[in-house]
């Protein structure tokens, strides 16, 4: 693993990453921190998160065709 310093969202939009992995809680809020930034930049991620009741251990994958 390599640690990088910078703007995760900008780097992802510039194609420096193929994916952003984000662990979330059961409240489905995307209300602060990196979750809020991901929701603003990639609305499909928040839409997927709020599309169903998630259970411990489940994984959702949101794909944004713009990038």
C-alpha atoms as a PDB file:
ATOM      1  CA  UNK A   1       0.000   0.000   0.000  1.00  0.00           C
ATOM      2  CA  UNK A   2       1.216   3.491  -0.821  1.00  0.00           C
ATOM      3  CA  UNK A   3       0.120   6.522   1.164  1.00  0.00           C
ATOM      4  CA  UNK A   4      -0.596   9.635  -0.872  1.00  0.00           C
ATOM      5  CA  UNK A   5      -1.410  13.176   0.211  1.00  0.00           C
ATOM      6  CA  UNK A   6      -3.793  15.321  -1.804  1.00  0.00           C
ATOM      7  CA  UNK A   7      -7.354  15.770  -2.954  1.00  0.00           C
ATOM      8  CA  UNK A   8      -8.942  12.319  -3.251  1.00  0.00           C
ATOM      9  CA  UNK A   9     -11.965  13.521  -5.225  1.00  0.00           C
ATOM     10  CA  UNK A  10      -9.956  15.576  -7.720  1.00  0.00           C
ATOM     11  CA  UNK A  11      -7.476  12.719  -8.180  1.00  0.00           C
ATOM     12  CA  UNK A  12     -10.288  10.244  -8.828  1.00  0.00           C
ATOM     13  CA  UNK A  13     -11.922  12.537 -11.378  1.00  0.00           C
ATOM     14  CA  UNK A  14      -8.537  12.960 -13.081  1.00  0.00           C
ATOM     15  CA  UNK A  15      -8.272   9.198 -13.507  1.00  0.00           C
ATOM     16  CA  UNK A  16      -5.521   8.615 -10.947  1.00  0.00           C
ATOM     17  CA  UNK A  17      -7.697   5.953  -9.272  1.00  0.00           C
ATOM     18  CA  UNK A  18     -10.006   3.268 -10.590  1.00  0.00           C
ATOM     19  CA  UNK A  19     -12.072   3.160  -7.402  1.00  0.00           C
ATOM     20  CA  UNK A  20     -12.793   4.847  -4.095  1.00  0.00           C
ATOM     21  CA  UNK A  21     -13.692   2.451  -1.282  1.00  0.00           C
ATOM     22  CA  UNK A  22     -15.648   3.914   1.588  1.00  0.00           C
ATOM     23  CA  UNK A  23     -16.976   2.104   4.619  1.00  0.00           C
ATOM     24  CA  UNK A  24     -20.221   3.532   5.879  1.00  0.00           C
ATOM     25  CA  UNK A  25     -22.487   3.163   8.864  1.00  0.00           C
ATOM     26  CA  UNK A  26     -26.103   2.017   9.093  1.00  0.00           C
ATOM     27  CA  UNK A  27     -27.598   5.521   9.248  1.00  0.00           C
ATOM     28  CA  UNK A  28     -27.265   6.253   5.507  1.00  0.00           C
ATOM     29  CA  UNK A  29     -26.657   9.956   5.967  1.00  0.00           C
ATOM     30  CA  UNK A  30     -23.551  10.848   3.916  1.00  0.00           C
ATOM     31  CA  UNK A  31     -23.717  14.003   6.013  1.00  0.00           C
ATOM     32  CA  UNK A  32     -20.121  14.954   6.833  1.00  0.00           C
ATOM     33  CA  UNK A  33     -16.445  14.407   6.139  1.00  0.00           C
ATOM     34  CA  UNK A  34     -15.289  12.351   3.189  1.00  0.00           C
ATOM     35  CA  UNK A  35     -18.764  10.789   2.869  1.00  0.00           C
ATOM     36  CA  UNK A  36     -20.280  14.197   2.125  1.00  0.00           C
ATOM     37  CA  UNK A  37     -17.534  14.978  -0.385  1.00  0.00           C
ATOM     38  CA  UNK A  38     -18.108  11.640  -2.144  1.00  0.00           C
ATOM     39  CA  UNK A  39     -21.878  12.270  -2.212  1.00  0.00           C
ATOM     40  CA  UNK A  40     -21.405  15.698  -3.777  1.00  0.00           C
ATOM     41  CA  UNK A  41     -18.899  14.509  -6.369  1.00  0.00           C
ATOM     42  CA  UNK A  42     -20.473  11.130  -7.136  1.00  0.00           C
ATOM     43  CA  UNK A  43     -24.242  11.270  -6.441  1.00  0.00           C
ATOM     44  CA  UNK A  44     -24.626   7.673  -7.661  1.00  0.00           C
ATOM     45  CA  UNK A  45     -22.790   6.521  -4.513  1.00  0.00           C
ATOM     46  CA  UNK A  46     -25.282   8.193  -2.191  1.00  0.00           C
ATOM     47  CA  UNK A  47     -28.211   7.025  -4.333  1.00  0.00           C
ATOM     48  CA  UNK A  48     -27.005   3.432  -4.075  1.00  0.00           C
ATOM     49  CA  UNK A  49     -26.486   3.729  -0.322  1.00  0.00           C
ATOM     50  CA  UNK A  50     -30.034   4.983   0.196  1.00  0.00           C
ATOM     51  CA  UNK A  51     -31.598   2.511  -2.248  1.00  0.00           C
ATOM     52  CA  UNK A  52     -32.061  -0.253   0.335  1.00  0.00           C
ATOM     53  CA  UNK A  53     -31.544  -1.269   3.945  1.00  0.00           C
ATOM     54  CA  UNK A  54     -27.983  -2.570   4.152  1.00  0.00           C
ATOM     55  CA  UNK A  55     -26.902  -5.325   6.501  1.00  0.00           C
ATOM     56  CA  UNK A  56     -23.545  -5.957   8.168  1.00  0.00           C
ATOM     57  CA  UNK A  57     -21.062  -7.293   5.649  1.00  0.00           C
ATOM     58  CA  UNK A  58     -22.944  -6.275   2.513  1.00  0.00           C
ATOM     59  CA  UNK A  59     -21.108  -4.439  -0.242  1.00  0.00           C
ATOM     60  CA  UNK A  60     -22.574  -2.055  -2.778  1.00  0.00           C
ATOM     61  CA  UNK A  61     -20.761  -0.899  -5.920  1.00  0.00           C
ATOM     62  CA  UNK A  62     -21.692   2.387  -7.577  1.00  0.00           C
ATOM     63  CA  UNK A  63     -20.383   3.095 -11.057  1.00  0.00           C
ATOM     64  CA  UNK A  64     -20.229   6.633 -12.420  1.00  0.00           C
ATOM     65  CA  UNK A  65     -20.086   6.451 -16.219  1.00  0.00           C
ATOM     66  CA  UNK A  66     -18.796  10.029 -16.415  1.00  0.00           C
ATOM     67  CA  UNK A  67     -15.326   8.905 -15.288  1.00  0.00           C
END
